[in-house]
């Protein structure tokens, strides 16, 4: 179960990193715009969180 969570987290983190790279070239929107709120750069935070989850899932517990 732990490995499945890790694989899903790594896949989603790769998608968010791809979103970041495409946003840098103005292919996709780089910011999420919510009404009456400041712009959010959610893709960078999402990538870091998912990579942390992925690393937790593949950690060897001795």
Protein backbone atom coordinates (compact mmCIF):
# COMPACT_ATOMS: atom_id res chain seq x y z
CA UNK A 1 0.00 0.00 0.00
CA UNK A 2 2.84 2.33 0.91
CA UNK A 3 4.52 1.79 -2.49
CA UNK A 4 1.26 2.47 -4.36
CA UNK A 5 0.89 5.77 -2.54
CA UNK A 6 4.49 6.60 -3.41
CA UNK A 7 4.04 5.79 -7.09
CA UNK A 8 0.90 7.92 -7.31
CA UNK A 9 2.63 10.79 -5.48
CA UNK A 10 5.67 10.63 -7.76
CA UNK A 11 3.49 10.56 -10.87
CA UNK A 12 1.48 13.56 -9.69
CA UNK A 13 4.66 15.43 -8.76
CA UNK A 14 6.03 14.85 -12.25
CA UNK A 15 2.81 16.30 -13.68
CA UNK A 16 3.10 19.38 -11.48
CA UNK A 17 6.76 19.85 -12.46
CA UNK A 18 5.71 19.56 -16.11
CA UNK A 19 3.04 22.22 -15.41
CA UNK A 20 5.75 24.44 -13.94
CA UNK A 21 7.99 24.04 -17.00
CA UNK A 22 5.14 24.65 -19.44
CA UNK A 23 4.11 27.70 -17.44
CA UNK A 24 7.60 29.13 -17.69
CA UNK A 25 7.22 29.09 -21.48
CA UNK A 26 3.69 30.61 -21.28
CA UNK A 27 2.03 27.51 -22.73
CA UNK A 28 -0.22 27.01 -19.70
CA UNK A 29 -1.14 29.55 -16.99
CA UNK A 30 1.56 29.76 -14.36
CA UNK A 31 -0.68 31.26 -11.69
CA UNK A 32 -4.08 30.22 -10.40
CA UNK A 33 -6.32 33.26 -10.24
CA UNK A 34 -9.09 33.20 -7.65
CA UNK A 35 -11.63 36.03 -7.40
CA UNK A 36 -10.84 38.54 -4.62
CA UNK A 37 -7.62 36.70 -3.71
CA UNK A 38 -3.98 37.09 -4.60
CA UNK A 39 -2.53 34.89 -7.33
CA UNK A 40 -1.47 31.45 -6.15
CA UNK A 41 1.58 29.52 -7.35
CA UNK A 42 0.16 26.18 -6.31
CA UNK A 43 2.18 24.02 -8.72
CA UNK A 44 5.50 24.56 -6.92
CA UNK A 45 4.05 23.77 -3.49
CA UNK A 46 2.19 20.79 -4.90
CA UNK A 47 5.35 19.37 -6.45
CA UNK A 48 7.30 19.66 -3.20
CA UNK A 49 4.54 18.10 -1.10
CA UNK A 50 4.08 15.19 -3.51
CA UNK A 51 7.82 14.55 -3.71
CA UNK A 52 7.95 14.42 0.09
CA UNK A 53 5.11 11.90 0.12
CA UNK A 54 6.88 9.86 -2.56
CA UNK A 55 10.14 9.84 -0.61
CA UNK A 56 8.31 8.74 2.53
CA UNK A 57 6.74 5.84 0.64
CA UNK A 58 10.08 4.50 -0.61
CA UNK A 59 11.96 4.98 2.66
CA UNK A 60 13.48 1.75 3.97
CA UNK A 61 12.60 1.13 7.56
CA UNK A 62 15.24 -1.09 9.16
